[in-house]
Structure formats: structure tokens, C-alpha cells
C-alpha atoms as a PDB file:
ATOM      1  CA  MET A   1      65.567 100.135  71.373  1.00  0.00           C
ATOM      2  CA  SER A   2      68.373  98.173  73.025  1.00  0.00           C
ATOM      3  CA  VAL A   3      67.233  94.932  74.747  1.00  0.00           C
ATOM      4  CA  VAL A   4      69.600  92.638  76.651  1.00  0.00           C
ATOM      5  CA  PRO A   5      67.998  89.168  76.991  1.00  0.00           C
ATOM      6  CA  ALA A   6      70.427  88.139  79.769  1.00  0.00           C
ATOM      7  CA  ILE A   7      69.276  91.024  81.957  1.00  0.00           C
ATOM      8  CA  ARG A   8      65.617  90.232  81.242  1.00  0.00           C
ATOM      9  CA  SER A   9      66.074  86.559  82.202  1.00  0.00           C
ATOM     10  CA  LYS A  10      68.177  87.337  85.320  1.00  0.00           C
ATOM     11  CA  TYR A  11      66.354  90.482  86.407  1.00  0.00           C
ATOM     12  CA  GLY A  12      66.306  89.541  90.104  1.00  0.00           C
ATOM     13  CA  PHE A  13      70.096  89.157  90.050  1.00  0.00           C
ATOM     14  CA  TYR A  14      70.373  92.442  88.122  1.00  0.00           C
ATOM     15  CA  ARG A  15      68.248  94.325  90.689  1.00  0.00           C
ATOM     16  CA  LYS A  16      70.386  92.932  93.511  1.00  0.00           C
ATOM     17  CA  LEU A  17      73.553  94.026  91.678  1.00  0.00           C
ATOM     18  CA  LEU A  18      72.215  97.501  91.096  1.00  0.00           C
ATOM     19  CA  ARG A  19      70.283  98.258  94.289  1.00  0.00           C
ATOM     20  CA  GLU A  20      72.545  96.842  96.998  1.00  0.00           C
ATOM     21  CA  HIS A  21      75.736  98.399  98.284  1.00  0.00           C
ATOM     22  CA  LYS A  22      79.063  97.896  96.499  1.00  0.00           C
ATOM     23  CA  TYR A  23      82.629  98.823  97.426  1.00  0.00           C
ATOM     24  CA  VAL A  24      85.432 100.003  95.129  1.00  0.00           C
ATOM     25  CA  LEU A  25      88.619  98.138  96.025  1.00  0.00           C
ATOM     26  CA  ARG A  26      91.106 100.941  95.185  1.00  0.00           C
ATOM     27  CA  ASP A  27      91.271 104.518  96.474  1.00  0.00           C
ATOM     28  CA  THR A  28      92.640 105.850  93.184  1.00  0.00           C
ATOM     29  CA  VAL A  29      91.891 104.821  89.612  1.00  0.00           C
ATOM     30  CA  ASP A  30      94.557 105.841  87.092  1.00  0.00           C
ATOM     31  CA  VAL A  31      93.257 106.411  83.562  1.00  0.00           C
ATOM     32  CA  VAL A  32      96.049 105.707  81.078  1.00  0.00           C
ATOM     33  CA  LYS A  33      96.739 105.006  77.403  1.00  0.00           C
ATOM     34  CA  LEU A  34      96.155 101.414  76.341  1.00  0.00           C
ATOM     35  CA  ALA A  35      97.894  99.751  73.435  1.00  0.00           C
ATOM     36  CA  GLY A  36      95.606  99.375  70.445  1.00  0.00           C
ATOM     37  CA  ASN A  37      93.077 102.048  71.477  1.00  0.00           C
ATOM     38  CA  PRO A  38      94.111 105.541  70.352  1.00  0.00           C
ATOM     39  CA  THR A  39      90.603 106.971  70.901  1.00  0.00           C
ATOM     40  CA  PHE A  40      90.130 106.374  74.625  1.00  0.00           C
ATOM     41  CA  LEU A  41      92.223 106.309  77.788  1.00  0.00           C
ATOM     42  CA  GLU A  42      91.053 103.717  80.315  1.00  0.00           C
ATOM     43  CA  GLY A  43      91.252 102.796  83.974  1.00  0.00           C
ATOM     44  CA  LYS A  44      89.701  99.770  85.709  1.00  0.00           C
ATOM     45  CA  THR A  45      89.256  98.493  89.211  1.00  0.00           C
ATOM     46  CA  PHE A  46      87.390  95.667  90.872  1.00  0.00           C
ATOM     47  CA  VAL A  47      84.235  96.187  92.876  1.00  0.00           C
ATOM     48  CA  SER A  48      82.972  94.055  95.750  1.00  0.00           C
ATOM     49  CA  HIS A  49      79.226  93.538  96.293  1.00  0.00           C
ATOM     50  CA  ILE A  50      77.985  93.467  99.878  1.00  0.00           C
ATOM     51  CA  ASP A  51      76.015  90.244  99.323  1.00  0.00           C
ATOM     52  CA  LEU A  52      77.080  88.620  96.032  1.00  0.00           C
ATOM     53  CA  ASP A  53      80.258  86.779  95.088  1.00  0.00           C
ATOM     54  CA  ALA A  54      80.274  88.014  91.493  1.00  0.00           C
ATOM     55  CA  GLU A  55      83.156  89.615  89.603  1.00  0.00           C
ATOM     56  CA  ILE A  56      82.223  93.264  89.107  1.00  0.00           C
ATOM     57  CA  THR A  57      84.425  95.871  87.441  1.00  0.00           C
ATOM     58  CA  LEU A  58      84.322  99.643  87.280  1.00  0.00           C
ATOM     59  CA  ALA A  59      85.735 100.982  84.013  1.00  0.00           C
ATOM     60  CA  ILE A  60      86.485 104.649  83.399  1.00  0.00           C
ATOM     61  CA  ARG A  61      86.989 105.753  79.805  1.00  0.00           C
ATOM     62  CA  VAL A  62      88.172 109.228  78.812  1.00  0.00           C
ATOM     63  CA  LYS A  63      88.442 110.451  75.232  1.00  0.00           C
ATOM     64  CA  SER A  64      92.122 110.950  74.364  1.00  0.00           C
ATOM     65  CA  ASN A  65      91.600 114.301  72.636  1.00  0.00           C
ATOM     66  CA  ASP A  66      88.855 115.657  74.946  1.00  0.00           C
ATOM     67  CA  HIS A  67      89.142 114.967  78.678  1.00  0.00           C
ATOM     68  CA  ASP A  68      85.661 116.437  79.287  1.00  0.00           C
ATOM     69  CA  PHE A  69      84.224 113.451  77.358  1.00  0.00           C
ATOM     70  CA  PHE A  70      84.188 110.465  79.731  1.00  0.00           C
ATOM     71  CA  ARG A  71      82.071 107.528  80.787  1.00  0.00           C
ATOM     72  CA  PHE A  72      81.855 105.260  83.821  1.00  0.00           C
ATOM     73  CA  GLU A  73      80.664 101.663  83.466  1.00  0.00           C
ATOM     74  CA  LEU A  74      79.825  98.931  85.958  1.00  0.00           C
ATOM     75  CA  ARG A  75      80.030  95.420  84.466  1.00  0.00           C
ATOM     76  CA  CYS A  76      79.351  91.947  85.766  1.00  0.00           C
ATOM     77  CA  HIS A  77      80.264  89.300  83.190  1.00  0.00           C
ATOM     78  CA  GLU A  78      78.204  86.736  85.101  1.00  0.00           C
ATOM     79  CA  LEU A  79      75.177  88.815  84.066  1.00  0.00           C
ATOM     80  CA  SER A  80      76.093  90.164  80.602  1.00  0.00           C
ATOM     81  CA  ASP A  81      78.927  91.628  78.541  1.00  0.00           C
ATOM     82  CA  GLU A  82      77.005  94.926  78.518  1.00  0.00           C
ATOM     83  CA  PRO A  83      77.508  97.442  81.350  1.00  0.00           C
ATOM     84  CA  PHE A  84      74.663  97.042  83.856  1.00  0.00           C
ATOM     85  CA  PHE A  85      74.918 100.712  84.884  1.00  0.00           C
ATOM     86  CA  GLN A  86      76.723 103.586  83.183  1.00  0.00           C
ATOM     87  CA  PHE A  87      77.230 107.327  83.053  1.00  0.00           C
ATOM     88  CA  GLN A  88      78.100 109.419  79.983  1.00  0.00           C
ATOM     89  CA  SER A  89      79.331 113.009  80.316  1.00  0.00           C
ATOM     90  CA  ASP A  90      79.039 113.844  76.643  1.00  0.00           C
ATOM     91  CA  GLY A  91      78.040 112.339  73.337  1.00  0.00           C
ATOM     92  CA  CYS A  92      74.836 111.465  71.548  1.00  0.00           C
ATOM     93  CA  THR A  93      71.354 112.120  72.835  1.00  0.00           C
ATOM     94  CA  HIS A  94      69.572 108.947  73.940  1.00  0.00           C
ATOM     95  CA  ARG A  95      65.945 108.199  73.155  1.00  0.00           C
ATOM     96  CA  ASN A  96      63.877 106.190  75.625  1.00  0.00           C
ATOM     97  CA  ALA A  97      61.592 104.479  73.104  1.00  0.00           C
ATOM     98  CA  ASP A  98      58.709 103.878  75.493  1.00  0.00           C
ATOM     99  CA  GLU A  99      55.194 104.671  74.273  1.00  0.00           C
ATOM    100  CA  SER A 100      54.003 105.327  77.842  1.00  0.00           C
ATOM    101  CA  ILE A 101      56.334 108.368  77.977  1.00  0.00           C
ATOM    102  CA  PRO A 102      55.314 111.469  76.004  1.00  0.00           C
ATOM    103  CA  LEU A 103      57.472 111.877  72.898  1.00  0.00           C
ATOM    104  CA  ALA A 104      58.842 115.230  74.099  1.00  0.00           C
ATOM    105  CA  GLN A 105      60.204 113.550  77.263  1.00  0.00           C
ATOM    106  CA  GLN A 106      61.812 110.570  75.480  1.00  0.00           C
ATOM    107  CA  ARG A 107      64.877 112.577  74.396  1.00  0.00           C
ATOM    108  CA  ILE A 108      67.636 112.516  77.061  1.00  0.00           C
ATOM    109  CA  THR A 109      70.730 114.650  76.476  1.00  0.00           C
ATOM    110  CA  THR A 110      74.078 114.179  78.208  1.00  0.00           C
ATOM    111  CA  PRO A 111      75.182 114.009  80.916  1.00  0.00           C
ATOM    112  CA  HIS A 112      73.033 110.985  81.717  1.00  0.00           C
ATOM    113  CA  PHE A 113      72.851 107.610  83.467  1.00  0.00           C
ATOM    114  CA  SER A 114      71.742 104.357  81.795  1.00  0.00           C
ATOM    115  CA  GLN A 115      70.308 101.195  83.291  1.00  0.00           C
ATOM    116  CA  TYR A 116      67.718  98.518  82.361  1.00  0.00           C
ATOM    117  CA  ASN A 117      64.076  97.797  83.104  1.00  0.00           C
ATOM    118  CA  GLN A 118      62.401  94.423  83.732  1.00  0.00           C
ATOM    119  CA  GLN A 119      62.104  93.727  79.992  1.00  0.00           C
ATOM    120  CA  GLY A 120      65.873  94.132  79.637  1.00  0.00           C
ATOM    121  CA  THR A 121      65.400  97.416  77.773  1.00  0.00           C
ATOM    122  CA  ASN A 122      67.979 100.145  78.262  1.00  0.00           C
ATOM    123  CA  PHE A 123      66.562 103.389  79.623  1.00  0.00           C
ATOM    124  CA  THR A 124      68.367 106.611  80.352  1.00  0.00           C
ATOM    125  CA  TYR A 125      67.754 109.442  82.769  1.00  0.00           C
ATOM    126  CA  LYS A 126      69.309 112.873  83.040  1.00  0.00           C
ATOM    127  CA  MET A 127      71.919 113.767  85.628  1.00  0.00           C
ATOM    128  CA  GLU A 128      70.340 116.556  87.656  1.00  0.00           C
ATOM    129  CA  GLU A 129      73.500 118.559  88.395  1.00  0.00           C
ATOM    130  CA  ALA A 130      75.707 118.752  85.330  1.00  0.00           C
ATOM    131  CA  THR A 131      79.434 119.023  85.927  1.00  0.00           C
ATOM    132  CA  ALA A 132      82.312 118.603  83.482  1.00  0.00           C
ATOM    133  CA  GLU A 133      84.823 117.740  86.210  1.00  0.00           C
ATOM    134  CA  ILE A 134      85.481 114.007  86.253  1.00  0.00           C
ATOM    135  CA  ASN A 135      85.852 113.573  90.036  1.00  0.00           C
ATOM    136  CA  HIS A 136      82.631 115.489  90.783  1.00  0.00           C
ATOM    137  CA  SER A 137      80.812 113.316  88.255  1.00  0.00           C
ATOM    138  CA  MET A 138      82.285 110.213  89.924  1.00  0.00           C
ATOM    139  CA  VAL A 139      80.685 111.257  93.227  1.00  0.00           C
ATOM    140  CA  TYR A 140      77.245 111.473  91.556  1.00  0.00           C
ATOM    141  CA  PHE A 141      77.823 108.155  89.779  1.00  0.00           C
ATOM    142  CA  CYS A 142      78.769 106.467  93.054  1.00  0.00           C
ATOM    143  CA  GLN A 143      75.688 107.847  94.788  1.00  0.00           C
ATOM    144  CA  GLU A 144      73.409 106.592  91.994  1.00  0.00           C
ATOM    145  CA  ALA A 145      75.102 103.173  91.863  1.00  0.00           C
ATOM    146  CA  LYS A 146      75.329 102.727  95.675  1.00  0.00           C
ATOM    147  CA  LEU A 147      79.089 102.503  95.358  1.00  0.00           C
ATOM    148  CA  ASN A 148      81.863 103.864  97.573  1.00  0.00           C
ATOM    149  CA  LEU A 149      85.197 103.078  99.216  1.00  0.00           C
ATOM    150  CA  ARG A 150      84.327 103.140 102.904  1.00  0.00           C
ATOM    151  CA  ASP A 151      82.645 105.611 105.237  1.00  0.00           C
ATOM    152  CA  ASP A 152      81.079 107.548 102.329  1.00  0.00           C
ATOM    153  CA  GLU A 153      84.409 108.180 100.594  1.00  0.00           C
ATOM    154  CA  PHE A 154      84.695 107.922  96.824  1.00  0.00           C
ATOM    155  CA  PRO A 155      87.560 106.881  94.542  1.00  0.00           C
ATOM    156  CA  VAL A 156      89.745 109.572  92.987  1.00  0.00           C
ATOM    157  CA  ILE A 157      90.322 109.475  89.238  1.00  0.00           C
ATOM    158  CA  ARG A 158      93.686 110.567  87.846  1.00  0.00           C
ATOM    159  CA  VAL A 159      93.863 111.051  84.082  1.00  0.00           C
ATOM    160  CA  LEU A 160      97.373 110.393  82.730  1.00  0.00           C
ATOM    161  CA  PRO A 161      98.965 110.691  86.185  1.00  0.00           C
ATOM    162  CA  ASN A 162     102.555 110.563  84.833  1.00  0.00           C
ATOM    163  CA  ALA A 163     102.019 113.204  82.135  1.00  0.00           C
ATOM    164  CA  LEU A 164     102.238 116.989  82.323  1.00  0.00           C
ATOM    165  CA  PRO A 165      99.077 118.343  83.990  1.00  0.00           C
ATOM    166  CA  LEU A 166      97.462 119.798  80.871  1.00  0.00           C
ATOM    167  CA  HIS A 167      93.709 119.596  80.477  1.00  0.00           C
ATOM    168  CA  VAL A 168      92.855 118.506  76.928  1.00  0.00           C
ATOM    169  CA  THR A 169      89.574 119.535  75.296  1.00  0.00           C
ATOM    170  CA  GLN A 170      88.221 119.894  71.779  1.00  0.00           C
ATOM    171  CA  LYS A 171      87.805 123.648  72.311  1.00  0.00           C
ATOM    172  CA  ASP A 172      90.053 125.777  70.121  1.00  0.00           C
ATOM    173  CA  PRO A 173      92.336 127.862  72.396  1.00  0.00           C
ATOM    174  CA  ASN A 174      92.722 130.412  69.583  1.00  0.00           C
ATOM    175  CA  SER A 175      88.991 130.924  68.984  1.00  0.00           C
ATOM    176  CA  THR A 176      89.003 134.384  70.617  1.00  0.00           C
ATOM    177  CA  VAL A 177      92.223 135.553  68.938  1.00  0.00           C
ATOM    178  CA  LEU A 178      91.856 137.831  65.957  1.00  0.00           C
ATOM    179  CA  PHE A 179      94.607 137.046  63.443  1.00  0.00           C
ATOM    180  CA  LEU A 180      95.537 139.842  61.015  1.00  0.00           C
END
């Protein structure tokens, strides 16, 4: 069970961060290779809160060898180094270790969203409409996080915008070919 003491002690601030409207400051977020991180591509942009003067960032991480594996994270370093809200398209199943929830319902597979409760404990909930397309997932993330550009528009994500437009996945393109 993951507990973040800073979120527990500043829960009012956390709720305000999460529940009130925020604006992404760029129309397009380019996800590119970063030096020193061969595993993930990354793009970042600043976010403005409607009521708070806190530095908030939106980070988008895409696995270098599987572009269907991505995550979106909202961070506010004034609150904690941990993301205060995130989305994961793929990866490990999360367990909400809460005894008030039946054991069968504690297991949350991807894609899912993660946030924190009043005790500072991370809890995860399933994304209702699963989609592997990064820009469709961004729309759902923005709706959940009360985040947009302006007039209900959402940022566009471009993965490796200066590279050839090849979609990279872990799926073997030769899996249906019978070699003699």
C-alpha cells in the first residue's frame, strides 16, 4: 500500500488541485527521446490552475519500444514529488489494498487512473472505455483531471514528430507468417 504523507497532511490543497479546473499551456505536446533514458520517450508542459499559483506539470511518457504503452502524470512539487493524478495505458495490475472493498474488486487492470484518498493512500480505478490510441486516452485523462486548453479543446500529443511515422509496438509483425 503506497502512502504519501505530504498528500495526507495537505489534503485540502490536494483536493483543490485535483477537483478544480486546470489549463494546459501548449496546444501540442511533443514526446521525444531524452538523453540518459533509453526506455521512455517524454514530453512535458506546464499547467495553470484556475485558483492556485502553484507550479503544475503534465508529463507524458511513452515506452520507446512499444508506443501503446504510455502514461500521463500531473505533478505539483509544492505538494509532493509523486504525481497527484496519473493514467497508465498498460503495465502491471494495481491492487487497492482496502479491507472495506471485497477482495475480488481490489484488483484493477490497465488502463487505469490513480489518485489519493484522505489518508494519502494511492487508489486506482478502471478507465471505462479502453483505447490504445494516445490522443483518445488524453481526452479521457483531461476529462477526469478537469484539464483542457480552452473551450473544451484538448492538447494533441505527437510521438517522435520528426521521425518517420511508424507505429512501434511489441507485437511481432511476423507472427502470422508461416516460415518453411
